[in-house]
């Protein structure tokens, strides 16, 4: 039984909102480029124009996402995601995710 020490997790947290269009591009890139190495990912995101928290989760290549409960009055809109897999490039994931942010 060999252990694979290349498995790691990368967490991202940003204040602010993402663009839905750019988020979709990011998730497509993730599936195409990282799919086989990505075991699990999940996130709670503030999407520009959505009153609800956008909850995203994936196990291997099975992705699901849907709006959930609304952000509370005065609650800071932010994005949090975590990726677990092999050969996760923290800098690359951060850079690609930052492209989704609404500036």
PDB file of N, CA and C in Angstrom:
ATOM      1  N   UNK A   1       0.850  -1.185   0.000  1.00  0.00           N
ATOM      2  CA  UNK A   1       0.000   0.000   0.000  1.00  0.00           C
ATOM      3  C   UNK A   1       0.890   1.241   0.000  1.00  0.00           C
ATOM      4  N   UNK A   2       0.940   1.919  -1.138  1.00  0.00           N
ATOM      5  CA  UNK A   2       1.791   3.106  -1.261  1.00  0.00           C
ATOM      6  C   UNK A   2       0.998   4.363  -0.979  1.00  0.00           C
ATOM      7  N   UNK A   3       1.554   5.234  -0.186  1.00  0.00           N
ATOM      8  CA  UNK A   3       0.906   6.527   0.057  1.00  0.00           C
ATOM      9  C   UNK A   3       1.361   7.502  -1.005  1.00  0.00           C
ATOM     10  N   UNK A   4       0.441   8.364  -1.429  1.00  0.00           N
ATOM     11  CA  UNK A   4       0.790   9.395  -2.397  1.00  0.00           C
ATOM     12  C   UNK A   4       0.924  10.715  -1.654  1.00  0.00           C
ATOM     13  N   UNK A   5       2.165  11.166  -1.489  1.00  0.00           N
ATOM     14  CA  UNK A   5       2.405  12.373  -0.701  1.00  0.00           C
ATOM     15  C   UNK A   5       2.189  13.650  -1.499  1.00  0.00           C
ATOM     16  N   UNK A   6       1.780  13.513  -2.743  1.00  0.00           N
ATOM     17  CA  UNK A   6       1.546  14.713  -3.554  1.00  0.00           C
ATOM     18  C   UNK A   6       0.153  15.292  -3.324  1.00  0.00           C
ATOM     19  N   UNK A   7      -0.676  14.619  -2.535  1.00  0.00           N
ATOM     20  CA  UNK A   7      -2.022  15.126  -2.285  1.00  0.00           C
ATOM     21  C   UNK A   7      -1.936  16.298  -1.317  1.00  0.00           C
ATOM     22  N   UNK A   8      -2.587  17.383  -1.684  1.00  0.00           N
ATOM     23  CA  UNK A   8      -2.562  18.561  -0.827  1.00  0.00           C
ATOM     24  C   UNK A   8      -3.878  19.311  -0.962  1.00  0.00           C
ATOM     25  N   UNK A   9      -4.046  20.308  -0.118  1.00  0.00           N
ATOM     26  CA  UNK A   9      -5.229  21.152  -0.247  1.00  0.00           C
ATOM     27  C   UNK A   9      -4.781  22.593  -0.414  1.00  0.00           C
ATOM     28  N   UNK A  10      -5.576  23.337  -1.159  1.00  0.00           N
ATOM     29  CA  UNK A  10      -5.325  24.763  -1.359  1.00  0.00           C
ATOM     30  C   UNK A  10      -6.615  25.485  -1.010  1.00  0.00           C
ATOM     31  N   UNK A  11      -6.529  26.426  -0.089  1.00  0.00           N
ATOM     32  CA  UNK A  11      -7.695  27.222   0.285  1.00  0.00           C
ATOM     33  C   UNK A  11      -7.540  28.648  -0.226  1.00  0.00           C
ATOM     34  N   UNK A  12      -8.633  29.210  -0.686  1.00  0.00           N
ATOM     35  CA  UNK A  12      -8.648  30.601  -1.152  1.00  0.00           C
ATOM     36  C   UNK A  12      -9.727  31.351  -0.381  1.00  0.00           C
ATOM     37  N   UNK A  13      -9.436  32.561   0.010  1.00  0.00           N
ATOM     38  CA  UNK A  13     -10.456  33.395   0.635  1.00  0.00           C
ATOM     39  C   UNK A  13     -10.254  34.828   0.180  1.00  0.00           C
ATOM     40  N   UNK A  14     -11.333  35.436  -0.315  1.00  0.00           N
ATOM     41  CA  UNK A  14     -11.261  36.811  -0.811  1.00  0.00           C
ATOM     42  C   UNK A  14     -12.480  37.575  -0.334  1.00  0.00           C
ATOM     43  N   UNK A  15     -12.273  38.831   0.009  1.00  0.00           N
ATOM     44  CA  UNK A  15     -13.424  39.701   0.241  1.00  0.00           C
ATOM     45  C   UNK A  15     -13.889  40.190  -1.122  1.00  0.00           C
ATOM     46  N   UNK A  16     -15.185  40.411  -1.235  1.00  0.00           N
ATOM     47  CA  UNK A  16     -15.727  40.918  -2.486  1.00  0.00           C
ATOM     48  C   UNK A  16     -16.474  39.854  -3.264  1.00  0.00           C
ATOM     49  N   UNK A  17     -16.743  40.161  -4.516  1.00  0.00           N
ATOM     50  CA  UNK A  17     -17.602  39.336  -5.357  1.00  0.00           C
ATOM     51  C   UNK A  17     -16.885  38.882  -6.620  1.00  0.00           C
ATOM     52  N   UNK A  18     -17.414  37.802  -7.185  1.00  0.00           N
ATOM     53  CA  UNK A  18     -16.907  37.315  -8.468  1.00  0.00           C
ATOM     54  C   UNK A  18     -17.960  37.550  -9.547  1.00  0.00           C
ATOM     55  N   UNK A  19     -17.505  37.607 -10.766  1.00  0.00           N
ATOM     56  CA  UNK A  19     -18.383  37.678 -11.932  1.00  0.00           C
ATOM     57  C   UNK A  19     -18.810  36.253 -12.272  1.00  0.00           C
ATOM     58  N   UNK A  20     -20.104  36.032 -12.492  1.00  0.00           N
ATOM     59  CA  UNK A  20     -20.606  34.689 -12.811  1.00  0.00           C
ATOM     60  C   UNK A  20     -19.963  34.162 -14.086  1.00  0.00           C
ATOM     61  N   UNK A  21     -19.826  35.023 -15.083  1.00  0.00           N
ATOM     62  CA  UNK A  21     -19.237  34.601 -16.351  1.00  0.00           C
ATOM     63  C   UNK A  21     -17.783  34.153 -16.151  1.00  0.00           C
ATOM     64  N   UNK A  22     -17.021  34.951 -15.413  1.00  0.00           N
ATOM     65  CA  UNK A  22     -15.615  34.610 -15.179  1.00  0.00           C
ATOM     66  C   UNK A  22     -15.485  33.389 -14.272  1.00  0.00           C
ATOM     67  N   UNK A  23     -16.419  33.246 -13.319  1.00  0.00           N
ATOM     68  CA  UNK A  23     -16.426  32.072 -12.455  1.00  0.00           C
ATOM     69  C   UNK A  23     -16.660  30.809 -13.288  1.00  0.00           C
ATOM     70  N   UNK A  24     -17.602  30.875 -14.221  1.00  0.00           N
ATOM     71  CA  UNK A  24     -17.871  29.730 -15.104  1.00  0.00           C
ATOM     72  C   UNK A  24     -16.627  29.371 -15.920  1.00  0.00           C
ATOM     73  N   UNK A  25     -15.904  30.384 -16.396  1.00  0.00           N
ATOM     74  CA  UNK A  25     -14.659  30.138 -17.133  1.00  0.00           C
ATOM     75  C   UNK A  25     -13.631  29.450 -16.233  1.00  0.00           C
ATOM     76  N   UNK A  26     -13.529  29.916 -14.995  1.00  0.00           N
ATOM     77  CA  UNK A  26     -12.589  29.335 -14.036  1.00  0.00           C
ATOM     78  C   UNK A  26     -12.937  27.865 -13.770  1.00  0.00           C
ATOM     79  N   UNK A  27     -14.233  27.589 -13.553  1.00  0.00           N
ATOM     80  CA  UNK A  27     -14.657  26.214 -13.266  1.00  0.00           C
ATOM     81  C   UNK A  27     -14.445  25.305 -14.479  1.00  0.00           C
ATOM     82  N   UNK A  28     -14.640  25.834 -15.679  1.00  0.00           N
ATOM     83  CA  UNK A  28     -14.369  25.057 -16.898  1.00  0.00           C
ATOM     84  C   UNK A  28     -12.883  24.738 -17.005  1.00  0.00           C
ATOM     85  N   UNK A  29     -12.055  25.756 -16.756  1.00  0.00           N
ATOM     86  CA  UNK A  29     -10.598  25.570 -16.779  1.00  0.00           C
ATOM     87  C   UNK A  29     -10.192  24.502 -15.767  1.00  0.00           C
ATOM     88  N   UNK A  30     -10.790  24.578 -14.576  1.00  0.00           N
ATOM     89  CA  UNK A  30     -10.486  23.632 -13.507  1.00  0.00           C
ATOM     90  C   UNK A  30     -10.806  22.201 -13.950  1.00  0.00           C
ATOM     91  N   UNK A  31     -11.986  22.025 -14.531  1.00  0.00           N
ATOM     92  CA  UNK A  31     -12.406  20.694 -14.995  1.00  0.00           C
ATOM     93  C   UNK A  31     -11.474  20.161 -16.070  1.00  0.00           C
ATOM     94  N   UNK A  32     -11.151  21.010 -17.050  1.00  0.00           N
ATOM     95  CA  UNK A  32     -10.334  20.568 -18.176  1.00  0.00           C
ATOM     96  C   UNK A  32      -8.887  20.328 -17.784  1.00  0.00           C
ATOM     97  N   UNK A  33      -8.317  21.274 -17.021  1.00  0.00           N
ATOM     98  CA  UNK A  33      -6.881  21.226 -16.734  1.00  0.00           C
ATOM     99  C   UNK A  33      -6.540  20.407 -15.493  1.00  0.00           C
ATOM    100  N   UNK A  34      -7.431  20.433 -14.486  1.00  0.00           N
ATOM    101  CA  UNK A  34      -7.115  19.833 -13.197  1.00  0.00           C
ATOM    102  C   UNK A  34      -8.011  18.638 -12.875  1.00  0.00           C
ATOM    103  N   UNK A  35      -9.028  18.405 -13.709  1.00  0.00           N
ATOM    104  CA  UNK A  35     -10.039  17.388 -13.426  1.00  0.00           C
ATOM    105  C   UNK A  35      -9.529  16.072 -12.873  1.00  0.00           C
ATOM    106  N   UNK A  36      -8.613  15.391 -13.586  1.00  0.00           N
ATOM    107  CA  UNK A  36      -8.159  14.083 -13.118  1.00  0.00           C
ATOM    108  C   UNK A  36      -7.418  14.139 -11.773  1.00  0.00           C
ATOM    109  N   UNK A  37      -6.791  15.266 -11.461  1.00  0.00           N
ATOM    110  CA  UNK A  37      -6.018  15.391 -10.226  1.00  0.00           C
ATOM    111  C   UNK A  37      -6.825  15.976  -9.068  1.00  0.00           C
ATOM    112  N   UNK A  38      -8.000  16.511  -9.385  1.00  0.00           N
ATOM    113  CA  UNK A  38      -8.812  17.184  -8.374  1.00  0.00           C
ATOM    114  C   UNK A  38      -9.778  16.182  -7.757  1.00  0.00           C
ATOM    115  N   UNK A  39      -9.584  15.863  -6.474  1.00  0.00           N
ATOM    116  CA  UNK A  39     -10.435  14.870  -5.813  1.00  0.00           C
ATOM    117  C   UNK A  39     -11.715  15.497  -5.295  1.00  0.00           C
ATOM    118  N   UNK A  40     -11.577  16.693  -4.729  1.00  0.00           N
ATOM    119  CA  UNK A  40     -12.730  17.325  -4.112  1.00  0.00           C
ATOM    120  C   UNK A  40     -12.508  18.832  -4.084  1.00  0.00           C
ATOM    121  N   UNK A  41     -13.573  19.566  -4.287  1.00  0.00           N
ATOM    122  CA  UNK A  41     -13.494  21.012  -4.129  1.00  0.00           C
ATOM    123  C   UNK A  41     -14.850  21.517  -3.679  1.00  0.00           C
ATOM    124  N   UNK A  42     -14.816  22.604  -2.951  1.00  0.00           N
ATOM    125  CA  UNK A  42     -16.078  23.216  -2.545  1.00  0.00           C
ATOM    126  C   UNK A  42     -15.852  24.681  -2.263  1.00  0.00           C
ATOM    127  N   UNK A  43     -16.937  25.421  -2.303  1.00  0.00           N
ATOM    128  CA  UNK A  43     -16.808  26.841  -2.055  1.00  0.00           C
ATOM    129  C   UNK A  43     -18.142  27.489  -1.750  1.00  0.00           C
ATOM    130  N   UNK A  44     -18.066  28.635  -1.104  1.00  0.00           N
ATOM    131  CA  UNK A  44     -19.216  29.510  -0.893  1.00  0.00           C
ATOM    132  C   UNK A  44     -18.779  30.854  -1.448  1.00  0.00           C
ATOM    133  N   UNK A  45     -19.534  31.332  -2.435  1.00  0.00           N
ATOM    134  CA  UNK A  45     -19.099  32.503  -3.188  1.00  0.00           C
ATOM    135  C   UNK A  45     -20.150  33.598  -3.195  1.00  0.00           C
ATOM    136  N   UNK A  46     -19.659  34.832  -3.199  1.00  0.00           N
ATOM    137  CA  UNK A  46     -20.518  36.001  -3.413  1.00  0.00           C
ATOM    138  C   UNK A  46     -20.426  36.319  -4.899  1.00  0.00           C
ATOM    139  N   UNK A  47     -21.534  36.129  -5.592  1.00  0.00           N
ATOM    140  CA  UNK A  47     -21.562  36.389  -7.031  1.00  0.00           C
ATOM    141  C   UNK A  47     -22.250  37.720  -7.273  1.00  0.00           C
ATOM    142  N   UNK A  48     -21.592  38.558  -8.059  1.00  0.00           N
ATOM    143  CA  UNK A  48     -22.127  39.867  -8.402  1.00  0.00           C
ATOM    144  C   UNK A  48     -23.538  39.726  -8.959  1.00  0.00           C
ATOM    145  N   UNK A  49     -24.500  40.447  -8.371  1.00  0.00           N
ATOM    146  CA  UNK A  49     -25.879  40.408  -8.856  1.00  0.00           C
ATOM    147  C   UNK A  49     -26.741  39.333  -8.212  1.00  0.00           C
ATOM    148  N   UNK A  50     -26.161  38.424  -7.426  1.00  0.00           N
ATOM    149  CA  UNK A  50     -26.937  37.375  -6.736  1.00  0.00           C
ATOM    150  C   UNK A  50     -27.100  37.749  -5.272  1.00  0.00           C
ATOM    151  N   UNK A  51     -28.333  37.681  -4.773  1.00  0.00           N
ATOM    152  CA  UNK A  51     -28.576  37.981  -3.354  1.00  0.00           C
ATOM    153  C   UNK A  51     -28.219  36.790  -2.475  1.00  0.00           C
ATOM    154  N   UNK A  52     -28.170  35.592  -3.084  1.00  0.00           N
ATOM    155  CA  UNK A  52     -27.897  34.379  -2.321  1.00  0.00           C
ATOM    156  C   UNK A  52     -26.420  34.004  -2.363  1.00  0.00           C
ATOM    157  N   UNK A  53     -26.018  33.216  -1.377  1.00  0.00           N
ATOM    158  CA  UNK A  53     -24.678  32.622  -1.386  1.00  0.00           C
ATOM    159  C   UNK A  53     -24.677  31.551  -2.466  1.00  0.00           C
ATOM    160  N   UNK A  54     -23.644  31.530  -3.270  1.00  0.00           N
ATOM    161  CA  UNK A  54     -23.522  30.556  -4.350  1.00  0.00           C
ATOM    162  C   UNK A  54     -22.618  29.430  -3.847  1.00  0.00           C
ATOM    163  N   UNK A  55     -23.210  28.248  -3.669  1.00  0.00           N
ATOM    164  CA  UNK A  55     -22.476  27.122  -3.100  1.00  0.00           C
ATOM    165  C   UNK A  55     -22.113  26.156  -4.217  1.00  0.00           C
ATOM    166  N   UNK A  56     -20.827  25.811  -4.232  1.00  0.00           N
ATOM    167  CA  UNK A  56     -20.281  24.989  -5.303  1.00  0.00           C
ATOM    168  C   UNK A  56     -19.551  23.805  -4.668  1.00  0.00           C
ATOM    169  N   UNK A  57     -19.696  22.625  -5.258  1.00  0.00           N
ATOM    170  CA  UNK A  57     -18.959  21.458  -4.756  1.00  0.00           C
ATOM    171  C   UNK A  57     -18.705  20.491  -5.901  1.00  0.00           C
ATOM    172  N   UNK A  58     -17.620  19.781  -5.797  1.00  0.00           N
ATOM    173  CA  UNK A  58     -17.277  18.808  -6.831  1.00  0.00           C
ATOM    174  C   UNK A  58     -16.536  17.644  -6.188  1.00  0.00           C
ATOM    175  N   UNK A  59     -16.859  16.457  -6.661  1.00  0.00           N
ATOM    176  CA  UNK A  59     -16.103  15.265  -6.295  1.00  0.00           C
ATOM    177  C   UNK A  59     -15.643  14.678  -7.622  1.00  0.00           C
ATOM    178  N   UNK A  60     -14.351  14.613  -7.807  1.00  0.00           N
ATOM    179  CA  UNK A  60     -13.770  14.236  -9.102  1.00  0.00           C
ATOM    180  C   UNK A  60     -14.388  15.100 -10.194  1.00  0.00           C
ATOM    181  N   UNK A  61     -14.989  14.533 -11.197  1.00  0.00           N
ATOM    182  CA  UNK A  61     -15.487  15.331 -12.318  1.00  0.00           C
ATOM    183  C   UNK A  61     -16.970  15.698 -12.172  1.00  0.00           C
ATOM    184  N   UNK A  62     -17.589  15.343 -11.064  1.00  0.00           N
ATOM    185  CA  UNK A  62     -19.001  15.656 -10.852  1.00  0.00           C
ATOM    186  C   UNK A  62     -19.143  17.002 -10.152  1.00  0.00           C
ATOM    187  N   UNK A  63     -19.584  18.003 -10.902  1.00  0.00           N
ATOM    188  CA  UNK A  63     -19.707  19.348 -10.356  1.00  0.00           C
ATOM    189  C   UNK A  63     -21.170  19.669 -10.077  1.00  0.00           C
ATOM    190  N   UNK A  64     -21.401  20.360  -8.987  1.00  0.00           N
ATOM    191  CA  UNK A  64     -22.741  20.860  -8.704  1.00  0.00           C
ATOM    192  C   UNK A  64     -22.625  22.254  -8.120  1.00  0.00           C
ATOM    193  N   UNK A  65     -23.597  23.100  -8.415  1.00  0.00           N
ATOM    194  CA  UNK A  65     -23.576  24.456  -7.867  1.00  0.00           C
ATOM    195  C   UNK A  65     -24.991  24.997  -7.841  1.00  0.00           C
ATOM    196  N   UNK A  66     -25.299  25.742  -6.797  1.00  0.00           N
ATOM    197  CA  UNK A  66     -26.628  26.341  -6.718  1.00  0.00           C
ATOM    198  C   UNK A  66     -26.641  27.473  -5.704  1.00  0.00           C
ATOM    199  N   UNK A  67     -27.542  28.443  -5.927  1.00  0.00           N
ATOM    200  CA  UNK A  67     -27.716  29.496  -4.932  1.00  0.00           C
ATOM    201  C   UNK A  67     -28.348  28.897  -3.671  1.00  0.00           C
ATOM    202  N   UNK A  68     -27.910  29.350  -2.504  1.00  0.00           N
ATOM    203  CA  UNK A  68     -28.453  28.864  -1.235  1.00  0.00           C
ATOM    204  C   UNK A  68     -29.093  30.016  -0.478  1.00  0.00           C
ATOM    205  N   UNK A  69     -28.925  30.055   0.850  1.00  0.00           N
ATOM    206  CA  UNK A  69     -29.595  31.120   1.611  1.00  0.00           C
ATOM    207  C   UNK A  69     -28.980  32.485   1.288  1.00  0.00           C
ATOM    208  N   UNK A  70     -29.788  33.527   1.455  1.00  0.00           N
ATOM    209  CA  UNK A  70     -29.296  34.871   1.149  1.00  0.00           C
ATOM    210  C   UNK A  70     -28.218  35.326   2.138  1.00  0.00           C
ATOM    211  N   UNK A  71     -27.398  36.256   1.687  1.00  0.00           N
ATOM    212  CA  UNK A  71     -26.438  36.906   2.585  1.00  0.00           C
ATOM    213  C   UNK A  71     -27.248  37.708   3.583  1.00  0.00           C
ATOM    214  N   UNK A  72     -26.828  37.689   4.828  1.00  0.00           N
ATOM    215  CA  UNK A  72     -27.549  38.444   5.865  1.00  0.00           C
ATOM    216  C   UNK A  72     -27.231  39.930   5.746  1.00  0.00           C
ATOM    217  N   UNK A  73     -28.156  40.732   6.247  1.00  0.00           N
ATOM    218  CA  UNK A  73     -27.958  42.184   6.310  1.00  0.00           C
ATOM    219  C   UNK A  73     -26.652  42.474   7.056  1.00  0.00           C
ATOM    220  N   UNK A  74     -25.764  43.239   6.433  1.00  0.00           N
ATOM    221  CA  UNK A  74     -24.514  43.599   7.092  1.00  0.00           C
ATOM    222  C   UNK A  74     -23.420  42.539   7.029  1.00  0.00           C
ATOM    223  N   UNK A  75     -23.748  41.349   6.510  1.00  0.00           N
ATOM    224  CA  UNK A  75     -22.732  40.290   6.395  1.00  0.00           C
ATOM    225  C   UNK A  75     -21.788  40.641   5.249  1.00  0.00           C
ATOM    226  N   UNK A  76     -20.493  40.488   5.488  1.00  0.00           N
ATOM    227  CA  UNK A  76     -19.502  40.829   4.468  1.00  0.00           C
ATOM    228  C   UNK A  76     -19.549  39.803   3.335  1.00  0.00           C
ATOM    229  N   UNK A  77     -19.716  40.280   2.113  1.00  0.00           N
ATOM    230  CA  UNK A  77     -19.743  39.377   0.963  1.00  0.00           C
ATOM    231  C   UNK A  77     -18.317  38.962   0.641  1.00  0.00           C
ATOM    232  N   UNK A  78     -18.094  37.641   0.626  1.00  0.00           N
ATOM    233  CA  UNK A  78     -16.747  37.121   0.412  1.00  0.00           C
ATOM    234  C   UNK A  78     -16.837  35.783  -0.301  1.00  0.00           C
ATOM    235  N   UNK A  79     -15.684  35.326  -0.752  1.00  0.00           N
ATOM    236  CA  UNK A  79     -15.591  34.059  -1.477  1.00  0.00           C
ATOM    237  C   UNK A  79     -14.586  33.171  -0.761  1.00  0.00           C
ATOM    238  N   UNK A  80     -14.986  31.926  -0.535  1.00  0.00           N
ATOM    239  CA  UNK A  80     -14.081  30.942   0.069  1.00  0.00           C
ATOM    240  C   UNK A  80     -14.164  29.668  -0.759  1.00  0.00           C
ATOM    241  N   UNK A  81     -13.014  29.125  -1.111  1.00  0.00           N
ATOM    242  CA  UNK A  81     -12.988  27.858  -1.845  1.00  0.00           C
ATOM    243  C   UNK A  81     -11.850  27.010  -1.316  1.00  0.00           C
ATOM    244  N   UNK A  82     -12.014  25.689  -1.406  1.00  0.00           N
ATOM    245  CA  UNK A  82     -10.924  24.779  -1.056  1.00  0.00           C
ATOM    246  C   UNK A  82     -10.850  23.686  -2.127  1.00  0.00           C
ATOM    247  N   UNK A  83      -9.643  23.341  -2.485  1.00  0.00           N
ATOM    248  CA  UNK A  83      -9.388  22.309  -3.500  1.00  0.00           C
ATOM    249  C   UNK A  83      -8.496  21.249  -2.875  1.00  0.00           C
ATOM    250  N   UNK A  84      -8.859  19.992  -3.037  1.00  0.00           N
ATOM    251  CA  UNK A  84      -8.038  18.885  -2.535  1.00  0.00           C
ATOM    252  C   UNK A  84      -7.712  17.998  -3.720  1.00  0.00           C
ATOM    253  N   UNK A  85      -6.421  17.721  -3.895  1.00  0.00           N
ATOM    254  CA  UNK A  85      -6.047  16.880  -5.023  1.00  0.00           C
ATOM    255  C   UNK A  85      -4.544  16.691  -5.099  1.00  0.00           C
ATOM    256  N   UNK A  86      -4.127  16.125  -6.218  1.00  0.00           N
ATOM    257  CA  UNK A  86      -2.703  15.905  -6.480  1.00  0.00           C
ATOM    258  C   UNK A  86      -2.171  17.064  -7.298  1.00  0.00           C
ATOM    259  N   UNK A  87      -0.918  17.397  -7.065  1.00  0.00           N
ATOM    260  CA  UNK A  87      -0.233  18.406  -7.880  1.00  0.00           C
ATOM    261  C   UNK A  87      -0.980  19.735  -7.942  1.00  0.00           C
ATOM    262  N   UNK A  88      -1.543  20.152  -6.833  1.00  0.00           N
ATOM    263  CA  UNK A  88      -2.264  21.425  -6.801  1.00  0.00           C
ATOM    264  C   UNK A  88      -1.241  22.564  -6.765  1.00  0.00           C
ATOM    265  N   UNK A  89      -1.334  23.462  -7.723  1.00  0.00           N
ATOM    266  CA  UNK A  89      -0.428  24.595  -7.813  1.00  0.00           C
ATOM    267  C   UNK A  89      -1.113  25.809  -7.172  1.00  0.00           C
ATOM    268  N   UNK A  90      -0.722  26.099  -5.934  1.00  0.00           N
ATOM    269  CA  UNK A  90      -1.359  27.170  -5.159  1.00  0.00           C
ATOM    270  C   UNK A  90      -1.306  28.520  -5.894  1.00  0.00           C
ATOM    271  N   UNK A  91      -0.139  28.870  -6.418  1.00  0.00           N
ATOM    272  CA  UNK A  91       0.012  30.169  -7.089  1.00  0.00           C
ATOM    273  C   UNK A  91      -0.891  30.259  -8.314  1.00  0.00           C
ATOM    274  N   UNK A  92      -0.932  29.184  -9.090  1.00  0.00           N
ATOM    275  CA  UNK A  92      -1.757  29.170 -10.303  1.00  0.00           C
ATOM    276  C   UNK A  92      -3.241  29.270  -9.956  1.00  0.00           C
ATOM    277  N   UNK A  93      -3.694  28.519  -8.963  1.00  0.00           N
ATOM    278  CA  UNK A  93      -5.108  28.571  -8.560  1.00  0.00           C
ATOM    279  C   UNK A  93      -5.471  29.968  -8.060  1.00  0.00           C
ATOM    280  N   UNK A  94      -4.593  30.571  -7.266  1.00  0.00           N
ATOM    281  CA  UNK A  94      -4.842  31.929  -6.769  1.00  0.00           C
ATOM    282  C   UNK A  94      -4.934  32.925  -7.916  1.00  0.00           C
ATOM    283  N   UNK A  95      -3.999  32.826  -8.842  1.00  0.00           N
ATOM    284  CA  UNK A  95      -3.956  33.750  -9.973  1.00  0.00           C
ATOM    285  C   UNK A  95      -5.210  33.615 -10.840  1.00  0.00           C
ATOM    286  N   UNK A  96      -5.581  32.370 -11.148  1.00  0.00           N
ATOM    287  CA  UNK A  96      -6.767  32.136 -11.992  1.00  0.00           C
ATOM    288  C   UNK A  96      -8.038  32.589 -11.287  1.00  0.00           C
ATOM    289  N   UNK A  97      -8.126  32.308  -9.968  1.00  0.00           N
ATOM    290  CA  UNK A  97      -9.333  32.705  -9.240  1.00  0.00           C
ATOM    291  C   UNK A  97      -9.447  34.227  -9.174  1.00  0.00           C
ATOM    292  N   UNK A  98      -8.305  34.902  -8.973  1.00  0.00           N
ATOM    293  CA  UNK A  98      -8.326  36.369  -8.876  1.00  0.00           C
ATOM    294  C   UNK A  98      -8.858  37.021 -10.145  1.00  0.00           C
ATOM    295  N   UNK A  99      -8.734  36.331 -11.270  1.00  0.00           N
ATOM    296  CA  UNK A  99      -9.269  36.868 -12.541  1.00  0.00           C
ATOM    297  C   UNK A  99     -10.801  36.951 -12.504  1.00  0.00           C
ATOM    298  N   UNK A 100     -11.431  36.211 -11.590  1.00  0.00           N
ATOM    299  CA  UNK A 100     -12.899  36.188 -11.491  1.00  0.00           C
ATOM    300  C   UNK A 100     -13.456  37.354 -10.686  1.00  0.00           C
ATOM    301  N   UNK A 101     -12.603  37.981  -9.884  1.00  0.00           N
ATOM    302  CA  UNK A 101     -13.076  39.015  -8.965  1.00  0.00           C
ATOM    303  C   UNK A 101     -13.565  40.259  -9.709  1.00  0.00           C
ATOM    304  N   UNK A 102     -14.635  40.835  -9.180  1.00  0.00           N
ATOM    305  CA  UNK A 102     -15.153  42.092  -9.703  1.00  0.00           C
ATOM    306  C   UNK A 102     -14.371  43.192  -9.004  1.00  0.00           C
ATOM    307  N   UNK A 103     -13.662  43.988  -9.761  1.00  0.00           N
ATOM    308  CA  UNK A 103     -12.803  45.036  -9.172  1.00  0.00           C
ATOM    309  C   UNK A 103     -13.562  46.351  -9.055  1.00  0.00           C
TER     310      UNK A 103
END
